[in-house]
Amino acid sequence: MNHHHGLECQDLLNNISAYIDGELDDELCGKIEAHIESCPNCKVVINTLKRTIQLYQEDGESETFPLDARHRLFTALDLDEDLDLSD
């Protein structure tokens, strides 16, 4: 996909992590934001990624991994269940 504002969808995807993390200069951020406003597909990608990060940050610490799922995962990965994955 190609759009106006001097930015293509692939350019957005190449810079998505840095954009979400606030690591881009103001000029490129402006181009990305203009692109997002004109491209429904990229808008969905950005909004979905932001929401996924938000959900992880909100729920990631408050929920525990179910014991039966933990056992199946460790068995499938051939890991010692005493291994602490909380880091």
Protein backbone atom coordinates (compact mmCIF):
# COMPACT_ATOMS: atom_id res chain seq x y z
CA MET A 1 0.00 0.00 0.00
CA ASN A 2 1.21 3.49 -0.74
CA HIS A 3 -0.13 6.75 0.63
CA HIS A 4 0.42 10.45 0.56
CA HIS A 5 2.42 12.26 3.24
CA GLY A 6 5.68 10.71 1.99
CA LEU A 7 5.30 7.50 3.97
CA GLU A 8 4.36 4.01 2.84
CA CYS A 9 2.84 1.27 4.99
CA GLN A 10 6.13 -0.63 4.92
CA ASP A 11 7.90 2.44 6.33
CA LEU A 12 5.44 2.46 9.21
CA LEU A 13 5.94 -1.23 9.87
CA ASN A 14 9.73 -0.81 9.79
CA ASN A 15 9.49 1.87 12.49
CA ILE A 16 6.53 0.58 14.52
CA SER A 17 8.46 -0.44 17.65
CA ALA A 18 10.39 2.81 17.84
CA TYR A 19 7.16 4.75 17.24
CA ILE A 20 5.27 2.92 20.01
CA ASP A 21 8.25 3.36 22.35
CA GLY A 22 8.46 7.11 21.58
CA GLU A 23 11.98 6.83 20.19
CA LEU A 24 11.49 8.62 16.85
CA ASP A 25 12.22 12.24 16.03
CA ASP A 26 9.29 14.65 15.76
CA GLU A 27 9.39 14.82 11.96
CA LEU A 28 9.08 11.07 11.44
CA CYS A 29 6.44 10.82 14.19
CA GLY A 30 4.42 13.48 12.37
CA LYS A 31 4.68 11.57 9.11
CA ILE A 32 3.64 8.33 10.81
CA GLU A 33 0.68 10.01 12.53
CA ALA A 34 -0.45 11.59 9.25
CA HIS A 35 -0.14 8.19 7.55
CA ILE A 36 -2.12 6.48 10.30
CA GLU A 37 -4.93 9.01 9.92
CA SER A 38 -5.12 8.37 6.17
CA CYS A 39 -4.66 4.58 6.24
CA PRO A 40 -7.33 2.50 7.98
CA ASN A 41 -5.20 -0.67 7.84
CA CYS A 42 -2.20 0.92 9.57
CA LYS A 43 -4.53 2.57 12.08
CA VAL A 44 -5.85 -0.88 13.02
CA VAL A 45 -2.30 -2.25 13.32
CA ILE A 46 -1.18 0.59 15.61
CA ASN A 47 -4.33 0.52 17.74
CA THR A 48 -4.17 -3.26 18.10
CA LEU A 49 -0.51 -3.18 19.10
CA LYS A 50 -1.09 -0.37 21.61
CA ARG A 51 -4.05 -2.24 23.11
CA THR A 52 -2.09 -5.50 23.32
CA ILE A 53 0.72 -3.72 25.18
CA GLN A 54 -1.79 -2.03 27.48
CA LEU A 55 -3.52 -5.32 28.28
CA TYR A 56 -0.21 -7.02 28.94
CA GLN A 57 0.89 -4.22 31.28
CA GLU A 58 -2.44 -4.20 33.12
CA ASP A 59 -2.99 -7.93 33.37
CA GLY A 60 0.48 -9.40 33.07
CA GLU A 61 1.40 -8.79 36.67
CA SER A 62 -1.96 -9.40 38.28
CA GLU A 63 -2.65 -12.83 36.85
CA THR A 64 -0.85 -16.06 37.44
CA PHE A 65 -0.29 -18.73 34.86
CA PRO A 66 -2.70 -21.62 35.59
CA LEU A 67 -0.86 -24.53 37.19
CA ASP A 68 -2.10 -27.14 34.69
CA ALA A 69 -1.13 -24.94 31.72
CA ARG A 70 2.27 -24.27 33.32
CA HIS A 71 2.84 -28.02 33.74
CA ARG A 72 1.89 -28.74 30.09
CA LEU A 73 4.14 -25.92 28.86
CA PHE A 74 7.13 -27.04 30.91
CA THR A 75 6.60 -30.66 29.85
CA ALA A 76 6.35 -29.69 26.16
CA LEU A 77 9.51 -27.58 26.44
CA ASP A 78 11.28 -30.21 28.54
CA LEU A 79 12.01 -27.65 31.28
CA ASP A 80 12.36 -28.04 35.02
CA GLU A 81 9.16 -26.79 36.67
CA ASP A 82 11.20 -25.28 39.52
CA LEU A 83 12.52 -22.71 37.04
CA ASP A 84 11.30 -19.25 38.00
CA LEU A 85 9.78 -17.47 34.98
CA SER A 86 8.72 -14.35 36.86
CA ASP A 87 11.67 -12.24 35.61
